[in-house]
Amino acid sequence: METLTGKTGLALEVVRRASLPPATSIATAESCTGGLLAALLTSVPGASAVFLGGIVAYSNQVKVSQLAVPGDLLERVGAVSEEVAVAMARGVRRTLGAQLGVGITGVAGPGHSELKAPGLVYVAIASAAAARCERLTDDLGREGNRHAAAALALRMLLDHLPATAAPREG
């Protein structure tokens, strides 16, 4: 598991890359992380230039009302699923008007949820063109699971964002 310093460094690099011309706006939808990803991003000076905001959607009601996650999807596959993580990422992107949306849903633990084990977390990133989702399965304890999910989201954002500014046309 990455240290807090490591995650702060990842957040700094995400904000730096997202700020490169043309800037890329980011929004987050978090369930089991409870706003941890948003907190890491906003700990970086200048994050307000690219981070639009986040929604902590801990309950299914908030997933439906604020993120437009279909209720029948939640009933069919459960909140802790790849499909719901992607729907959350797409929903927060639309709701807040961001270029990139991040959705995180899982079981922080202790204990099971929907018969799914602690440590099972899905992290999705959505743009206008596509969505991608990754899964964590190791139970690192409640705080460890939350931090591992936030770190994965930061790494996924880094994978999506260019390391250098786009060349100018003309």
C-alpha atoms as a PDB file:
ATOM      1  CA  MET A   1       0.000   0.000   0.000  1.00  0.00           C
ATOM      2  CA  GLU A   2       1.266   3.448  -0.837  1.00  0.00           C
ATOM      3  CA  THR A   3       2.094   5.851   1.943  1.00  0.00           C
ATOM      4  CA  LEU A   4       0.201   9.081   2.397  1.00  0.00           C
ATOM      5  CA  THR A   5       3.268  10.881   1.009  1.00  0.00           C
ATOM      6  CA  GLY A   6       3.167   8.589  -2.025  1.00  0.00           C
ATOM      7  CA  LYS A   7      -0.514   9.285  -2.637  1.00  0.00           C
ATOM      8  CA  THR A   8       0.049  13.022  -2.176  1.00  0.00           C
ATOM      9  CA  GLY A   9       2.805  12.813  -4.785  1.00  0.00           C
ATOM     10  CA  LEU A  10       0.452  10.984  -7.148  1.00  0.00           C
ATOM     11  CA  ALA A  11      -2.231  13.639  -6.566  1.00  0.00           C
ATOM     12  CA  LEU A  12       0.311  16.384  -7.272  1.00  0.00           C
ATOM     13  CA  GLU A  13       1.243  14.716 -10.565  1.00  0.00           C
ATOM     14  CA  VAL A  14      -2.433  14.253 -11.513  1.00  0.00           C
ATOM     15  CA  VAL A  15      -3.106  17.958 -10.947  1.00  0.00           C
ATOM     16  CA  ARG A  16       0.078  18.923 -12.820  1.00  0.00           C
ATOM     17  CA  ARG A  17      -0.815  16.782 -15.840  1.00  0.00           C
ATOM     18  CA  ALA A  18      -4.481  17.787 -15.838  1.00  0.00           C
ATOM     19  CA  SER A  19      -3.378  21.437 -15.825  1.00  0.00           C
ATOM     20  CA  LEU A  20      -1.276  21.075 -18.967  1.00  0.00           C
ATOM     21  CA  PRO A  21      -2.766  22.755 -22.018  1.00  0.00           C
ATOM     22  CA  PRO A  22      -5.416  21.931 -22.916  1.00  0.00           C
ATOM     23  CA  ALA A  23      -6.476  21.512 -19.281  1.00  0.00           C
ATOM     24  CA  THR A  24      -8.593  18.483 -18.361  1.00  0.00           C
ATOM     25  CA  SER A  25     -11.347  18.839 -15.759  1.00  0.00           C
ATOM     26  CA  ILE A  26     -11.939  16.044 -13.230  1.00  0.00           C
ATOM     27  CA  ALA A  27     -14.916  15.098 -11.023  1.00  0.00           C
ATOM     28  CA  THR A  28     -15.224  12.230  -8.539  1.00  0.00           C
ATOM     29  CA  ALA A  29     -18.031   9.970  -7.344  1.00  0.00           C
ATOM     30  CA  GLU A  30     -16.996   8.032  -4.255  1.00  0.00           C
ATOM     31  CA  SER A  31     -18.735   5.437  -2.161  1.00  0.00           C
ATOM     32  CA  CYS A  32     -16.425   3.333   0.024  1.00  0.00           C
ATOM     33  CA  THR A  33     -13.637   5.946  -0.052  1.00  0.00           C
ATOM     34  CA  GLY A  34     -15.966   8.568   1.394  1.00  0.00           C
ATOM     35  CA  GLY A  35     -14.326  11.542  -0.329  1.00  0.00           C
ATOM     36  CA  LEU A  36     -10.713  10.455   0.212  1.00  0.00           C
ATOM     37  CA  LEU A  37      -9.819  10.868  -3.469  1.00  0.00           C
ATOM     38  CA  ALA A  38     -11.323  14.360  -3.526  1.00  0.00           C
ATOM     39  CA  ALA A  39      -9.406  15.217  -0.348  1.00  0.00           C
ATOM     40  CA  LEU A  40      -6.135  14.052  -1.884  1.00  0.00           C
ATOM     41  CA  LEU A  41      -6.720  16.071  -5.040  1.00  0.00           C
ATOM     42  CA  THR A  42      -7.735  19.213  -3.154  1.00  0.00           C
ATOM     43  CA  SER A  43      -4.649  18.966  -0.933  1.00  0.00           C
ATOM     44  CA  VAL A  44      -2.656  20.093  -3.987  1.00  0.00           C
ATOM     45  CA  PRO A  45      -2.301  23.858  -4.463  1.00  0.00           C
ATOM     46  CA  GLY A  46      -3.889  24.880  -7.748  1.00  0.00           C
ATOM     47  CA  ALA A  47      -6.233  21.887  -7.891  1.00  0.00           C
ATOM     48  CA  SER A  48      -9.196  24.236  -8.302  1.00  0.00           C
ATOM     49  CA  ALA A  49      -8.057  24.842 -11.890  1.00  0.00           C
ATOM     50  CA  VAL A  50      -8.940  21.240 -12.829  1.00  0.00           C
ATOM     51  CA  PHE A  51     -10.904  19.586 -10.011  1.00  0.00           C
ATOM     52  CA  LEU A  52     -14.568  20.568 -10.312  1.00  0.00           C
ATOM     53  CA  GLY A  53     -15.864  18.660  -7.291  1.00  0.00           C
ATOM     54  CA  GLY A  54     -17.061  15.353  -6.018  1.00  0.00           C
ATOM     55  CA  ILE A  55     -20.121  13.505  -4.814  1.00  0.00           C
ATOM     56  CA  VAL A  56     -19.939  11.070  -1.921  1.00  0.00           C
ATOM     57  CA  ALA A  57     -22.589   8.570  -2.940  1.00  0.00           C
ATOM     58  CA  TYR A  58     -22.532   6.205   0.017  1.00  0.00           C
ATOM     59  CA  SER A  59     -26.151   5.163  -0.333  1.00  0.00           C
ATOM     60  CA  ASN A  60     -27.842   3.698  -3.390  1.00  0.00           C
ATOM     61  CA  GLN A  61     -30.416   6.502  -3.185  1.00  0.00           C
ATOM     62  CA  VAL A  62     -27.668   9.081  -3.811  1.00  0.00           C
ATOM     63  CA  LYS A  63     -26.204   6.970  -6.620  1.00  0.00           C
ATOM     64  CA  VAL A  64     -29.606   7.058  -8.326  1.00  0.00           C
ATOM     65  CA  SER A  65     -30.634  10.661  -7.577  1.00  0.00           C
ATOM     66  CA  GLN A  66     -27.313  12.459  -8.015  1.00  0.00           C
ATOM     67  CA  LEU A  67     -25.398  10.238 -10.447  1.00  0.00           C
ATOM     68  CA  ALA A  68     -28.259   8.785 -12.519  1.00  0.00           C
ATOM     69  CA  VAL A  69     -27.179   5.204 -11.805  1.00  0.00           C
ATOM     70  CA  PRO A  70     -30.171   3.137 -12.937  1.00  0.00           C
ATOM     71  CA  GLY A  71     -32.025   1.585 -10.000  1.00  0.00           C
ATOM     72  CA  ASP A  72     -32.574  -1.620 -11.950  1.00  0.00           C
ATOM     73  CA  LEU A  73     -28.808  -1.896 -12.482  1.00  0.00           C
ATOM     74  CA  LEU A  74     -28.248  -1.652  -8.723  1.00  0.00           C
ATOM     75  CA  GLU A  75     -30.868  -4.349  -8.149  1.00  0.00           C
ATOM     76  CA  ARG A  76     -29.462  -6.614 -10.831  1.00  0.00           C
ATOM     77  CA  VAL A  77     -25.696  -6.451 -10.154  1.00  0.00           C
ATOM     78  CA  GLY A  78     -25.460  -4.707  -6.775  1.00  0.00           C
ATOM     79  CA  ALA A  79     -23.698  -1.499  -5.837  1.00  0.00           C
ATOM     80  CA  VAL A  80     -20.309  -3.195  -5.672  1.00  0.00           C
ATOM     81  CA  SER A  81     -19.783  -3.982  -9.343  1.00  0.00           C
ATOM     82  CA  GLU A  82     -17.882  -2.878 -12.401  1.00  0.00           C
ATOM     83  CA  GLU A  83     -21.106  -1.732 -14.061  1.00  0.00           C
ATOM     84  CA  VAL A  84     -22.027   0.556 -11.173  1.00  0.00           C
ATOM     85  CA  ALA A  85     -18.494   2.004 -10.912  1.00  0.00           C
ATOM     86  CA  VAL A  86     -18.654   2.896 -14.614  1.00  0.00           C
ATOM     87  CA  ALA A  87     -22.166   4.337 -14.238  1.00  0.00           C
ATOM     88  CA  MET A  88     -20.955   6.449 -11.298  1.00  0.00           C
ATOM     89  CA  ALA A  89     -17.980   7.758 -13.311  1.00  0.00           C
ATOM     90  CA  ARG A  90     -20.191   8.612 -16.265  1.00  0.00           C
ATOM     91  CA  GLY A  91     -22.835  10.121 -14.007  1.00  0.00           C
ATOM     92  CA  VAL A  92     -20.502  12.449 -12.118  1.00  0.00           C
ATOM     93  CA  ARG A  93     -18.856  13.502 -15.369  1.00  0.00           C
ATOM     94  CA  ARG A  94     -22.258  14.538 -16.740  1.00  0.00           C
ATOM     95  CA  THR A  95     -23.619  16.001 -13.494  1.00  0.00           C
ATOM     96  CA  LEU A  96     -20.606  18.242 -12.836  1.00  0.00           C
ATOM     97  CA  GLY A  97     -19.662  18.871 -16.467  1.00  0.00           C
ATOM     98  CA  ALA A  98     -16.164  17.381 -16.255  1.00  0.00           C
ATOM     99  CA  GLN A  99     -14.064  15.894 -19.021  1.00  0.00           C
ATOM    100  CA  LEU A 100     -13.088  12.967 -16.774  1.00  0.00           C
ATOM    101  CA  GLY A 101     -15.232  11.275 -14.156  1.00  0.00           C
ATOM    102  CA  VAL A 102     -13.999   8.809 -11.549  1.00  0.00           C
ATOM    103  CA  GLY A 103     -16.313   6.296  -9.860  1.00  0.00           C
ATOM    104  CA  ILE A 104     -15.309   4.219  -6.834  1.00  0.00           C
ATOM    105  CA  THR A 105     -17.507   1.588  -5.196  1.00  0.00           C
ATOM    106  CA  GLY A 106     -16.607  -1.331  -2.987  1.00  0.00           C
ATOM    107  CA  VAL A 107     -16.561  -2.987   0.405  1.00  0.00           C
ATOM    108  CA  ALA A 108     -14.219  -1.157   2.777  1.00  0.00           C
ATOM    109  CA  GLY A 109     -14.942  -3.637   5.572  1.00  0.00           C
ATOM    110  CA  PRO A 110     -14.974  -5.079   8.035  1.00  0.00           C
ATOM    111  CA  GLY A 111     -17.755  -7.432   7.159  1.00  0.00           C
ATOM    112  CA  HIS A 112     -19.391  -8.353   3.885  1.00  0.00           C
ATOM    113  CA  SER A 113     -21.766  -6.308   1.759  1.00  0.00           C
ATOM    114  CA  GLU A 114     -24.173  -7.900  -0.729  1.00  0.00           C
ATOM    115  CA  LEU A 115     -22.279 -11.145  -0.005  1.00  0.00           C
ATOM    116  CA  LYS A 116     -19.128  -9.500  -1.366  1.00  0.00           C
ATOM    117  CA  ALA A 117     -15.901  -9.656   0.630  1.00  0.00           C
ATOM    118  CA  PRO A 118     -14.063  -6.731   2.203  1.00  0.00           C
ATOM    119  CA  GLY A 119     -11.408  -5.357  -0.107  1.00  0.00           C
ATOM    120  CA  LEU A 120     -13.467  -5.850  -3.267  1.00  0.00           C
ATOM    121  CA  VAL A 121     -13.401  -2.417  -4.895  1.00  0.00           C
ATOM    122  CA  TYR A 122     -14.089  -1.216  -8.429  1.00  0.00           C
ATOM    123  CA  VAL A 123     -12.528   1.999  -9.733  1.00  0.00           C
ATOM    124  CA  ALA A 124     -13.691   3.430 -13.061  1.00  0.00           C
ATOM    125  CA  ILE A 125     -12.664   6.397 -15.169  1.00  0.00           C
ATOM    126  CA  ALA A 126     -14.937   7.770 -17.879  1.00  0.00           C
ATOM    127  CA  SER A 127     -14.366  10.305 -20.610  1.00  0.00           C
ATOM    128  CA  ALA A 128     -16.764  11.308 -23.376  1.00  0.00           C
ATOM    129  CA  ALA A 129     -15.233   8.609 -25.579  1.00  0.00           C
ATOM    130  CA  ALA A 130     -14.801   5.599 -23.289  1.00  0.00           C
ATOM    131  CA  ALA A 131     -14.763   4.142 -19.801  1.00  0.00           C
ATOM    132  CA  ARG A 132     -12.311   1.812 -18.111  1.00  0.00           C
ATOM    133  CA  CYS A 133     -12.585  -0.073 -14.825  1.00  0.00           C
ATOM    134  CA  GLU A 134     -10.130  -1.913 -12.592  1.00  0.00           C
ATOM    135  CA  ARG A 135     -10.750  -4.131  -9.579  1.00  0.00           C
ATOM    136  CA  LEU A 136      -9.029  -4.588  -6.227  1.00  0.00           C
ATOM    137  CA  THR A 137      -9.556  -7.770  -4.232  1.00  0.00           C
ATOM    138  CA  ASP A 138      -7.069  -7.784  -1.348  1.00  0.00           C
ATOM    139  CA  ASP A 139      -8.492  -7.019   2.097  1.00  0.00           C
ATOM    140  CA  LEU A 140      -6.104  -4.525   3.689  1.00  0.00           C
ATOM    141  CA  GLY A 141      -8.444  -3.512   6.507  1.00  0.00           C
ATOM    142  CA  ARG A 142     -10.931  -0.664   6.287  1.00  0.00           C
ATOM    143  CA  GLU A 143      -8.456   2.207   6.002  1.00  0.00           C
ATOM    144  CA  GLY A 144      -6.088   0.189   3.843  1.00  0.00           C
ATOM    145  CA  ASN A 145      -8.888  -0.647   1.408  1.00  0.00           C
ATOM    146  CA  ARG A 146      -9.942   2.985   1.178  1.00  0.00           C
ATOM    147  CA  HIS A 147      -6.391   4.194   0.613  1.00  0.00           C
ATOM    148  CA  ALA A 148      -5.630   1.458  -1.935  1.00  0.00           C
ATOM    149  CA  ALA A 149      -8.728   2.450  -3.919  1.00  0.00           C
ATOM    150  CA  ALA A 150      -7.801   6.151  -3.900  1.00  0.00           C
ATOM    151  CA  ALA A 151      -4.235   5.319  -4.979  1.00  0.00           C
ATOM    152  CA  LEU A 152      -5.526   3.145  -7.828  1.00  0.00           C
ATOM    153  CA  ALA A 153      -7.794   5.981  -8.975  1.00  0.00           C
ATOM    154  CA  LEU A 154      -4.836   8.381  -8.998  1.00  0.00           C
ATOM    155  CA  ARG A 155      -2.715   5.913 -10.997  1.00  0.00           C
ATOM    156  CA  MET A 156      -5.581   5.399 -13.470  1.00  0.00           C
ATOM    157  CA  LEU A 157      -5.905   9.167 -13.896  1.00  0.00           C
ATOM    158  CA  LEU A 158      -2.161   9.377 -14.549  1.00  0.00           C
ATOM    159  CA  ASP A 159      -2.465   6.645 -17.178  1.00  0.00           C
ATOM    160  CA  HIS A 160      -5.172   8.688 -18.896  1.00  0.00           C
ATOM    161  CA  LEU A 161      -3.566  12.126 -18.710  1.00  0.00           C
ATOM    162  CA  PRO A 162      -0.709  13.157 -21.033  1.00  0.00           C
ATOM    163  CA  ALA A 163       2.707  13.603 -19.419  1.00  0.00           C
ATOM    164  CA  THR A 164       3.447  16.683 -21.543  1.00  0.00           C
ATOM    165  CA  ALA A 165       1.425  19.503 -23.052  1.00  0.00           C
ATOM    166  CA  ALA A 166      -0.248  18.875 -26.366  1.00  0.00           C
ATOM    167  CA  PRO A 167       1.623  20.453 -29.289  1.00  0.00           C
ATOM    168  CA  ARG A 168       0.199  23.725 -30.521  1.00  0.00           C
ATOM    169  CA  GLU A 169      -1.375  23.745 -33.924  1.00  0.00           C
ATOM    170  CA  GLY A 170      -0.367  26.334 -36.441  1.00  0.00           C
END
